[in-house]
Amino acid sequence: LQLSTLEINQETARLLDENPFLEREDDSTNQTYS
């Protein structure tokens, strides 16, 4: 909540590198695992 947009993007990039369960959603798909 307190992170800026730039910091959110940095945190997202970090988790995408470290966590194999997280990935960017393809624009052609809308399904997301809950």
PDB file of all heavy atoms in Angstrom:
ATOM      1  N   LEU A   1       0.815  -1.207   0.000  1.00  0.00           N
ATOM      2  CA  LEU A   1       0.000   0.000   0.000  1.00  0.00           C
ATOM      3  C   LEU A   1       0.852   1.261   0.000  1.00  0.00           C
ATOM      4  O   LEU A   1       0.483   2.277  -0.575  1.00  0.00           O
ATOM      5  CB  LEU A   1      -0.939  -0.005   1.205  1.00  0.00           C
ATOM      6  CG  LEU A   1      -2.160   0.912   1.139  1.00  0.00           C
ATOM      7  CD1 LEU A   1      -3.037   0.546  -0.034  1.00  0.00           C
ATOM      8  CD2 LEU A   1      -2.945   0.838   2.435  1.00  0.00           C
ATOM      9  N   GLN A   2       2.008   1.194   0.654  1.00  0.00           N
ATOM     10  CA  GLN A   2       2.833   2.389   0.766  1.00  0.00           C
ATOM     11  C   GLN A   2       3.897   2.494  -0.329  1.00  0.00           C
ATOM     12  O   GLN A   2       4.584   3.503  -0.430  1.00  0.00           O
ATOM     13  CB  GLN A   2       3.505   2.436   2.138  1.00  0.00           C
ATOM     14  CG  GLN A   2       4.458   1.281   2.413  1.00  0.00           C
ATOM     15  CD  GLN A   2       4.904   1.229   3.866  1.00  0.00           C
ATOM     16  OE1 GLN A   2       4.307   1.873   4.728  1.00  0.00           O
ATOM     17  NE2 GLN A   2       5.932   0.462   4.145  1.00  0.00           N
ATOM     18  N   LEU A   3       4.012   1.468  -1.187  1.00  0.00           N
ATOM     19  CA  LEU A   3       4.996   1.520  -2.262  1.00  0.00           C
ATOM     20  C   LEU A   3       4.484   2.376  -3.421  1.00  0.00           C
ATOM     21  O   LEU A   3       3.296   2.416  -3.703  1.00  0.00           O
ATOM     22  CB  LEU A   3       5.306   0.117  -2.769  1.00  0.00           C
ATOM     23  CG  LEU A   3       6.016  -0.839  -1.814  1.00  0.00           C
ATOM     24  CD1 LEU A   3       6.291  -2.166  -2.505  1.00  0.00           C
ATOM     25  CD2 LEU A   3       7.317  -0.246  -1.292  1.00  0.00           C
ATOM     26  N   SER A   4       5.409   3.040  -4.100  1.00  0.00           N
ATOM     27  CA  SER A   4       5.067   3.799  -5.290  1.00  0.00           C
ATOM     28  C   SER A   4       4.925   2.851  -6.473  1.00  0.00           C
ATOM     29  O   SER A   4       5.236   1.660  -6.381  1.00  0.00           O
ATOM     30  CB  SER A   4       6.150   4.839  -5.585  1.00  0.00           C
ATOM     31  OG  SER A   4       7.369   4.200  -5.914  1.00  0.00           O
ATOM     32  N   THR A   5       4.485   3.374  -7.621  1.00  0.00           N
ATOM     33  CA  THR A   5       4.326   2.549  -8.812  1.00  0.00           C
ATOM     34  C   THR A   5       5.660   1.952  -9.249  1.00  0.00           C
ATOM     35  O   THR A   5       5.749   0.779  -9.605  1.00  0.00           O
ATOM     36  CB  THR A   5       3.744   3.391  -9.959  1.00  0.00           C
ATOM     37  OG1 THR A   5       2.455   3.876  -9.569  1.00  0.00           O
ATOM     38  CG2 THR A   5       3.589   2.566 -11.222  1.00  0.00           C
ATOM     39  N   LEU A   6       6.721   2.756  -9.201  1.00  0.00           N
ATOM     40  CA  LEU A   6       8.042   2.258  -9.565  1.00  0.00           C
ATOM     41  C   LEU A   6       8.464   1.136  -8.628  1.00  0.00           C
ATOM     42  O   LEU A   6       8.988   0.103  -9.066  1.00  0.00           O
ATOM     43  CB  LEU A   6       9.059   3.403  -9.517  1.00  0.00           C
ATOM     44  CG  LEU A   6      10.524   3.030  -9.763  1.00  0.00           C
ATOM     45  CD1 LEU A   6      10.691   2.432 -11.158  1.00  0.00           C
ATOM     46  CD2 LEU A   6      11.431   4.240  -9.594  1.00  0.00           C
ATOM     47  N   GLU A   7       8.240   1.320  -7.328  1.00  0.00           N
ATOM     48  CA  GLU A   7       8.611   0.294  -6.358  1.00  0.00           C
ATOM     49  C   GLU A   7       7.755  -0.956  -6.506  1.00  0.00           C
ATOM     50  O   GLU A   7       8.233  -2.071  -6.285  1.00  0.00           O
ATOM     51  CB  GLU A   7       8.496   0.867  -4.943  1.00  0.00           C
ATOM     52  CG  GLU A   7       9.520   1.944  -4.646  1.00  0.00           C
ATOM     53  CD  GLU A   7       9.226   2.710  -3.374  1.00  0.00           C
ATOM     54  OE1 GLU A   7       8.039   2.780  -2.970  1.00  0.00           O
ATOM     55  OE2 GLU A   7      10.164   3.249  -2.768  1.00  0.00           O
ATOM     56  N   ILE A   8       6.491  -0.790  -6.891  1.00  0.00           N
ATOM     57  CA  ILE A   8       5.635  -1.947  -7.147  1.00  0.00           C
ATOM     58  C   ILE A   8       6.181  -2.762  -8.308  1.00  0.00           C
ATOM     59  O   ILE A   8       6.241  -3.998  -8.271  1.00  0.00           O
ATOM     60  CB  ILE A   8       4.189  -1.498  -7.439  1.00  0.00           C
ATOM     61  CG1 ILE A   8       3.484  -1.114  -6.127  1.00  0.00           C
ATOM     62  CG2 ILE A   8       3.394  -2.588  -8.144  1.00  0.00           C
ATOM     63  CD1 ILE A   8       3.188  -2.280  -5.211  1.00  0.00           C
ATOM     64  N   ASN A   9       6.591  -2.077  -9.364  1.00  0.00           N
ATOM     65  CA  ASN A   9       7.165  -2.772 -10.512  1.00  0.00           C
ATOM     66  C   ASN A   9       8.458  -3.491 -10.139  1.00  0.00           C
ATOM     67  O   ASN A   9       8.729  -4.594 -10.625  1.00  0.00           O
ATOM     68  CB  ASN A   9       7.417  -1.790 -11.654  1.00  0.00           C
ATOM     69  CG  ASN A   9       6.133  -1.286 -12.288  1.00  0.00           C
ATOM     70  OD1 ASN A   9       5.113  -1.967 -12.258  1.00  0.00           O
ATOM     71  ND2 ASN A   9       6.177  -0.091 -12.843  1.00  0.00           N
ATOM     72  N   GLN A  10       9.263  -2.875  -9.286  1.00  0.00           N
ATOM     73  CA  GLN A  10      10.499  -3.511  -8.845  1.00  0.00           C
ATOM     74  C   GLN A  10      10.203  -4.737  -7.987  1.00  0.00           C
ATOM     75  O   GLN A  10      10.859  -5.778  -8.131  1.00  0.00           O
ATOM     76  CB  GLN A  10      11.348  -2.504  -8.067  1.00  0.00           C
ATOM     77  CG  GLN A  10      11.894  -1.373  -8.928  1.00  0.00           C
ATOM     78  CD  GLN A  10      12.584  -0.298  -8.109  1.00  0.00           C
ATOM     79  OE1 GLN A  10      12.420  -0.217  -6.881  1.00  0.00           O
ATOM     80  NE2 GLN A  10      13.351   0.559  -8.773  1.00  0.00           N
ATOM     81  N   GLU A  11       9.225  -4.623  -7.091  1.00  0.00           N
ATOM     82  CA  GLU A  11       8.847  -5.757  -6.247  1.00  0.00           C
ATOM     83  C   GLU A  11       8.250  -6.883  -7.091  1.00  0.00           C
ATOM     84  O   GLU A  11       8.521  -8.071  -6.852  1.00  0.00           O
ATOM     85  CB  GLU A  11       7.842  -5.293  -5.187  1.00  0.00           C
ATOM     86  CG  GLU A  11       7.374  -6.371  -4.221  1.00  0.00           C
ATOM     87  CD  GLU A  11       8.453  -6.825  -3.260  1.00  0.00           C
ATOM     88  OE1 GLU A  11       9.541  -6.213  -3.249  1.00  0.00           O
ATOM     89  OE2 GLU A  11       8.217  -7.793  -2.515  1.00  0.00           O
ATOM     90  N   THR A  12       7.463  -6.527  -8.088  1.00  0.00           N
ATOM     91  CA  THR A  12       6.894  -7.529  -8.987  1.00  0.00           C
ATOM     92  C   THR A  12       7.989  -8.258  -9.746  1.00  0.00           C
ATOM     93  O   THR A  12       7.971  -9.492  -9.860  1.00  0.00           O
ATOM     94  CB  THR A  12       5.929  -6.857  -9.976  1.00  0.00           C
ATOM     95  OG1 THR A  12       4.876  -6.219  -9.256  1.00  0.00           O
ATOM     96  CG2 THR A  12       5.328  -7.875 -10.932  1.00  0.00           C
ATOM     97  N   ALA A  13       8.964  -7.514 -10.258  1.00  0.00           N
ATOM     98  CA  ALA A  13      10.071  -8.129 -10.995  1.00  0.00           C
ATOM     99  C   ALA A  13      10.869  -9.065 -10.100  1.00  0.00           C
ATOM    100  O   ALA A  13      11.303 -10.143 -10.526  1.00  0.00           O
ATOM    101  CB  ALA A  13      10.975  -7.043 -11.585  1.00  0.00           C
ATOM    102  N   ARG A  14      11.054  -8.658  -8.841  1.00  0.00           N
ATOM    103  CA  ARG A  14      11.804  -9.507  -7.905  1.00  0.00           C
ATOM    104  C   ARG A  14      11.083 -10.834  -7.664  1.00  0.00           C
ATOM    105  O   ARG A  14      11.690 -11.908  -7.720  1.00  0.00           O
ATOM    106  CB  ARG A  14      11.998  -8.773  -6.578  1.00  0.00           C
ATOM    107  CG  ARG A  14      12.820  -9.545  -5.556  1.00  0.00           C
ATOM    108  CD  ARG A  14      12.850  -8.848  -4.219  1.00  0.00           C
ATOM    109  NE  ARG A  14      11.545  -8.876  -3.568  1.00  0.00           N
ATOM    110  CZ  ARG A  14      11.092  -9.930  -2.880  1.00  0.00           C
ATOM    111  NH1 ARG A  14      11.830 -11.025  -2.758  1.00  0.00           N
ATOM    112  NH2 ARG A  14       9.908  -9.880  -2.308  1.00  0.00           N
ATOM    113  N   LEU A  15       9.778 -10.766  -7.414  1.00  0.00           N
ATOM    114  CA  LEU A  15       9.020 -11.992  -7.155  1.00  0.00           C
ATOM    115  C   LEU A  15       8.923 -12.867  -8.398  1.00  0.00           C
ATOM    116  O   LEU A  15       8.911 -14.099  -8.295  1.00  0.00           O
ATOM    117  CB  LEU A  15       7.623 -11.641  -6.636  1.00  0.00           C
ATOM    118  CG  LEU A  15       7.560 -11.192  -5.177  1.00  0.00           C
ATOM    119  CD1 LEU A  15       6.144 -10.816  -4.798  1.00  0.00           C
ATOM    120  CD2 LEU A  15       8.072 -12.282  -4.250  1.00  0.00           C
ATOM    121  N   LEU A  16       8.829 -12.252  -9.565  1.00  0.00           N
ATOM    122  CA  LEU A  16       8.787 -13.042 -10.800  1.00  0.00           C
ATOM    123  C   LEU A  16      10.081 -13.824 -10.991  1.00  0.00           C
ATOM    124  O   LEU A  16      10.079 -14.934 -11.540  1.00  0.00           O
ATOM    125  CB  LEU A  16       8.544 -12.128 -12.003  1.00  0.00           C
ATOM    126  CG  LEU A  16       7.118 -11.596 -12.178  1.00  0.00           C
ATOM    127  CD1 LEU A  16       7.077 -10.509 -13.243  1.00  0.00           C
ATOM    128  CD2 LEU A  16       6.150 -12.720 -12.538  1.00  0.00           C
ATOM    129  N   ASP A  17      11.193 -13.253 -10.537  1.00  0.00           N
ATOM    130  CA  ASP A  17      12.483 -13.945 -10.629  1.00  0.00           C
ATOM    131  C   ASP A  17      12.619 -15.041  -9.591  1.00  0.00           C
ATOM    132  O   ASP A  17      13.219 -16.088  -9.855  1.00  0.00           O
ATOM    133  CB  ASP A  17      13.630 -12.937 -10.465  1.00  0.00           C
ATOM    134  CG  ASP A  17      13.787 -12.041 -11.676  1.00  0.00           C
ATOM    135  OD1 ASP A  17      13.309 -12.436 -12.757  1.00  0.00           O
ATOM    136  OD2 ASP A  17      14.372 -10.953 -11.530  1.00  0.00           O
ATOM    137  N   GLU A  18      12.062 -14.816  -8.390  1.00  0.00           N
ATOM    138  CA  GLU A  18      12.290 -15.731  -7.272  1.00  0.00           C
ATOM    139  C   GLU A  18      11.210 -16.787  -7.116  1.00  0.00           C
ATOM    140  O   GLU A  18      11.469 -17.861  -6.569  1.00  0.00           O
ATOM    141  CB  GLU A  18      12.407 -14.933  -5.965  1.00  0.00           C
ATOM    142  CG  GLU A  18      13.579 -13.965  -5.937  1.00  0.00           C
ATOM    143  CD  GLU A  18      13.619 -13.159  -4.645  1.00  0.00           C
ATOM    144  OE1 GLU A  18      12.697 -13.344  -3.807  1.00  0.00           O
ATOM    145  OE2 GLU A  18      14.564 -12.363  -4.486  1.00  0.00           O
ATOM    146  N   ASN A  19       9.983 -16.481  -7.563  1.00  0.00           N
ATOM    147  CA  ASN A  19       8.865 -17.380  -7.307  1.00  0.00           C
ATOM    148  C   ASN A  19       8.362 -17.992  -8.618  1.00  0.00           C
ATOM    149  O   ASN A  19       7.783 -17.302  -9.452  1.00  0.00           O
ATOM    150  CB  ASN A  19       7.727 -16.607  -6.622  1.00  0.00           C
ATOM    151  CG  ASN A  19       6.698 -17.530  -5.998  1.00  0.00           C
ATOM    152  OD1 ASN A  19       6.394 -18.581  -6.538  1.00  0.00           O
ATOM    153  ND2 ASN A  19       6.151 -17.116  -4.858  1.00  0.00           N
ATOM    154  N   PRO A  20       8.571 -19.305  -8.808  1.00  0.00           N
ATOM    155  CA  PRO A  20       8.146 -19.928 -10.079  1.00  0.00           C
ATOM    156  C   PRO A  20       6.634 -20.026 -10.231  1.00  0.00           C
ATOM    157  O   PRO A  20       6.145 -20.265 -11.330  1.00  0.00           O
ATOM    158  CB  PRO A  20       8.780 -21.317 -10.005  1.00  0.00           C
ATOM    159  CG  PRO A  20       8.917 -21.593  -8.545  1.00  0.00           C
ATOM    160  CD  PRO A  20       9.211 -20.276  -7.905  1.00  0.00           C
ATOM    161  N   PHE A  21       5.882 -19.826  -9.126  1.00  0.00           N
ATOM    162  CA  PHE A  21       4.431 -19.932  -9.201  1.00  0.00           C
ATOM    163  C   PHE A  21       3.780 -18.651  -9.725  1.00  0.00           C
ATOM    164  O   PHE A  21       2.588 -18.626  -9.980  1.00  0.00           O
ATOM    165  CB  PHE A  21       3.842 -20.261  -7.819  1.00  0.00           C
ATOM    166  CG  PHE A  21       4.116 -21.666  -7.377  1.00  0.00           C
ATOM    167  CD1 PHE A  21       5.231 -21.956  -6.612  1.00  0.00           C
ATOM    168  CD2 PHE A  21       3.278 -22.703  -7.742  1.00  0.00           C
ATOM    169  CE1 PHE A  21       5.498 -23.251  -6.207  1.00  0.00           C
ATOM    170  CE2 PHE A  21       3.533 -24.000  -7.345  1.00  0.00           C
ATOM    171  CZ  PHE A  21       4.646 -24.282  -6.573  1.00  0.00           C
ATOM    172  N   LEU A  22       4.576 -17.599  -9.878  1.00  0.00           N
ATOM    173  CA  LEU A  22       4.042 -16.309 -10.311  1.00  0.00           C
ATOM    174  C   LEU A  22       4.519 -16.023 -11.719  1.00  0.00           C
ATOM    175  O   LEU A  22       5.698 -16.204 -12.043  1.00  0.00           O
ATOM    176  CB  LEU A  22       4.513 -15.206  -9.362  1.00  0.00           C
ATOM    177  CG  LEU A  22       3.772 -13.875  -9.393  1.00  0.00           C
ATOM    178  CD1 LEU A  22       2.324 -14.051  -8.957  1.00  0.00           C
ATOM    179  CD2 LEU A  22       4.473 -12.860  -8.497  1.00  0.00           C
ATOM    180  N   GLU A  23       3.616 -15.592 -12.580  1.00  0.00           N
ATOM    181  CA  GLU A  23       3.980 -15.248 -13.946  1.00  0.00           C
ATOM    182  C   GLU A  23       3.104 -14.116 -14.441  1.00  0.00           C
ATOM    183  O   GLU A  23       2.027 -13.852 -13.900  1.00  0.00           O
ATOM    184  CB  GLU A  23       3.836 -16.461 -14.865  1.00  0.00           C
ATOM    185  CG  GLU A  23       2.402 -16.932 -15.047  1.00  0.00           C
ATOM    186  CD  GLU A  23       2.287 -18.096 -16.009  1.00  0.00           C
ATOM    187  OE1 GLU A  23       3.332 -18.566 -16.492  1.00  0.00           O
ATOM    188  OE2 GLU A  23       1.150 -18.523 -16.273  1.00  0.00           O
ATOM    189  N   ARG A  24       3.592 -13.446 -15.486  1.00  0.00           N
ATOM    190  CA  ARG A  24       2.791 -12.400 -16.115  1.00  0.00           C
ATOM    191  C   ARG A  24       1.702 -13.040 -16.942  1.00  0.00           C
ATOM    192  O   ARG A  24       1.923 -14.027 -17.642  1.00  0.00           O
ATOM    193  CB  ARG A  24       3.651 -11.504 -16.994  1.00  0.00           C
ATOM    194  CG  ARG A  24       4.644 -10.652 -16.216  1.00  0.00           C
ATOM    195  CD  ARG A  24       5.189  -9.549 -17.086  1.00  0.00           C
ATOM    196  NE  ARG A  24       6.205  -8.786 -16.377  1.00  0.00           N
ATOM    197  CZ  ARG A  24       5.941  -7.771 -15.557  1.00  0.00           C
ATOM    198  NH1 ARG A  24       4.679  -7.418 -15.346  1.00  0.00           N
ATOM    199  NH2 ARG A  24       6.914  -7.118 -14.952  1.00  0.00           N
ATOM    200  N   GLU A  25       0.536 -12.440 -16.882  1.00  0.00           N
ATOM    201  CA  GLU A  25      -0.583 -12.975 -17.639  1.00  0.00           C
ATOM    202  C   GLU A  25      -0.483 -12.540 -19.085  1.00  0.00           C
ATOM    203  O   GLU A  25      -0.299 -11.364 -19.385  1.00  0.00           O
ATOM    204  CB  GLU A  25      -1.903 -12.493 -17.041  1.00  0.00           C
ATOM    205  CG  GLU A  25      -3.133 -13.074 -17.721  1.00  0.00           C
ATOM    206  CD  GLU A  25      -4.411 -12.597 -17.072  1.00  0.00           C
ATOM    207  OE1 GLU A  25      -4.341 -12.139 -15.915  1.00  0.00           O
ATOM    208  OE2 GLU A  25      -5.461 -12.681 -17.713  1.00  0.00           O
ATOM    209  N   ASP A  26      -0.630 -13.509 -19.974  1.00  0.00           N
ATOM    210  CA  ASP A  26      -0.604 -13.215 -21.408  1.00  0.00           C
ATOM    211  C   ASP A  26      -1.844 -12.402 -21.758  1.00  0.00           C
ATOM    212  O   ASP A  26      -2.941 -12.676 -21.281  1.00  0.00           O
ATOM    213  CB  ASP A  26      -0.589 -14.520 -22.200  1.00  0.00           C
ATOM    214  CG  ASP A  26      -0.284 -14.280 -23.678  1.00  0.00           C
ATOM    215  OD1 ASP A  26      -1.016 -13.488 -24.308  1.00  0.00           O
ATOM    216  OD2 ASP A  26       0.660 -14.884 -24.183  1.00  0.00           O
ATOM    217  N   ASP A  27      -1.664 -11.396 -22.609  1.00  0.00           N
ATOM    218  CA  ASP A  27      -2.800 -10.557 -22.981  1.00  0.00           C
ATOM    219  C   ASP A  27      -3.905 -11.347 -23.667  1.00  0.00           C
ATOM    220  O   ASP A  27      -5.060 -10.929 -23.683  1.00  0.00           O
ATOM    221  CB  ASP A  27      -2.336  -9.430 -23.905  1.00  0.00           C
ATOM    222  CG  ASP A  27      -1.489  -8.427 -23.149  1.00  0.00           C
ATOM    223  OD1 ASP A  27      -1.605  -8.374 -21.917  1.00  0.00           O
ATOM    224  OD2 ASP A  27      -0.716  -7.729 -23.819  1.00  0.00           O
ATOM    225  N   SER A  28      -3.560 -12.485 -24.265  1.00  0.00           N
ATOM    226  CA  SER A  28      -4.561 -13.263 -24.990  1.00  0.00           C
ATOM    227  C   SER A  28      -5.350 -14.191 -24.101  1.00  0.00           C
ATOM    228  O   SER A  28      -6.282 -14.829 -24.532  1.00  0.00           O
ATOM    229  CB  SER A  28      -3.865 -14.092 -26.077  1.00  0.00           C
ATOM    230  OG  SER A  28      -2.954 -15.014 -25.488  1.00  0.00           O
ATOM    231  N   THR A  29      -4.971 -14.288 -22.803  1.00  0.00           N
ATOM    232  CA  THR A  29      -5.684 -15.154 -21.871  1.00  0.00           C
ATOM    233  C   THR A  29      -6.148 -14.358 -20.690  1.00  0.00           C
ATOM    234  O   THR A  29      -5.511 -13.403 -20.273  1.00  0.00           O
ATOM    235  CB  THR A  29      -4.776 -16.301 -21.376  1.00  0.00           C
ATOM    236  OG1 THR A  29      -3.679 -15.734 -20.675  1.00  0.00           O
ATOM    237  CG2 THR A  29      -4.278 -17.143 -22.532  1.00  0.00           C
ATOM    238  N   ASN A  30      -7.265 -14.757 -20.112  1.00  0.00           N
ATOM    239  CA  ASN A  30      -7.822 -14.058 -18.964  1.00  0.00           C
ATOM    240  C   ASN A  30      -7.948 -14.964 -17.750  1.00  0.00           C
ATOM    241  O   ASN A  30      -8.336 -14.518 -16.682  1.00  0.00           O
ATOM    242  CB  ASN A  30      -9.213 -13.496 -19.298  1.00  0.00           C
ATOM    243  CG  ASN A  30      -9.131 -12.407 -20.343  1.00  0.00           C
ATOM    244  OD1 ASN A  30      -8.219 -11.600 -20.291  1.00  0.00           O
ATOM    245  ND2 ASN A  30     -10.046 -12.411 -21.280  1.00  0.00           N
ATOM    246  N   GLN A  31      -7.647 -16.264 -17.907  1.00  0.00           N
ATOM    247  CA  GLN A  31      -7.815 -17.183 -16.793  1.00  0.00           C
ATOM    248  C   GLN A  31      -6.691 -17.015 -15.802  1.00  0.00           C
ATOM    249  O   GLN A  31      -5.529 -16.915 -16.165  1.00  0.00           O
ATOM    250  CB  GLN A  31      -7.842 -18.630 -17.310  1.00  0.00           C
ATOM    251  CG  GLN A  31      -8.108 -19.651 -16.200  1.00  0.00           C
ATOM    252  CD  GLN A  31      -8.186 -21.068 -16.739  1.00  0.00           C
ATOM    253  OE1 GLN A  31      -7.980 -21.263 -17.921  1.00  0.00           O
ATOM    254  NE2 GLN A  31      -8.472 -22.010 -15.891  1.00  0.00           N
ATOM    255  N   THR A  32      -7.027 -16.968 -14.523  1.00  0.00           N
ATOM    256  CA  THR A  32      -6.055 -16.831 -13.462  1.00  0.00           C
ATOM    257  C   THR A  32      -6.343 -17.853 -12.388  1.00  0.00           C
ATOM    258  O   THR A  32      -7.479 -17.986 -11.954  1.00  0.00           O
ATOM    259  CB  THR A  32      -6.106 -15.416 -12.847  1.00  0.00           C
ATOM    260  OG1 THR A  32      -6.028 -14.479 -13.901  1.00  0.00           O
ATOM    261  CG2 THR A  32      -4.982 -15.196 -11.875  1.00  0.00           C
ATOM    262  N   TYR A  33      -5.312 -18.533 -11.952  1.00  0.00           N
ATOM    263  CA  TYR A  33      -5.492 -19.576 -10.957  1.00  0.00           C
ATOM    264  C   TYR A  33      -5.697 -18.957  -9.593  1.00  0.00           C
ATOM    265  O   TYR A  33      -4.909 -18.137  -9.144  1.00  0.00           O
ATOM    266  CB  TYR A  33      -4.260 -20.491 -10.939  1.00  0.00           C
ATOM    267  CG  TYR A  33      -4.341 -21.616  -9.940  1.00  0.00           C
ATOM    268  CD1 TYR A  33      -5.191 -22.687 -10.148  1.00  0.00           C
ATOM    269  CD2 TYR A  33      -3.564 -21.590  -8.788  1.00  0.00           C
ATOM    270  CE1 TYR A  33      -5.260 -23.715  -9.238  1.00  0.00           C
ATOM    271  CE2 TYR A  33      -3.629 -22.615  -7.879  1.00  0.00           C
ATOM    272  CZ  TYR A  33      -4.475 -23.682  -8.109  1.00  0.00           C
ATOM    273  OH  TYR A  33      -4.525 -24.690  -7.194  1.00  0.00           O
ATOM    274  N   SER A  34      -6.748 -19.321  -8.883  1.00  0.00           N
ATOM    275  CA  SER A  34      -7.080 -18.713  -7.606  1.00  0.00           C
ATOM    276  C   SER A  34      -6.466 -19.443  -6.435  1.00  0.00           C
ATOM    277  O   SER A  34      -6.447 -18.943  -5.319  1.00  0.00           O
ATOM    278  CB  SER A  34      -8.602 -18.684  -7.415  1.00  0.00           C
ATOM    279  OG  SER A  34      -9.107 -20.000  -7.306  1.00  0.00           O
TER     280      SER A  34
END
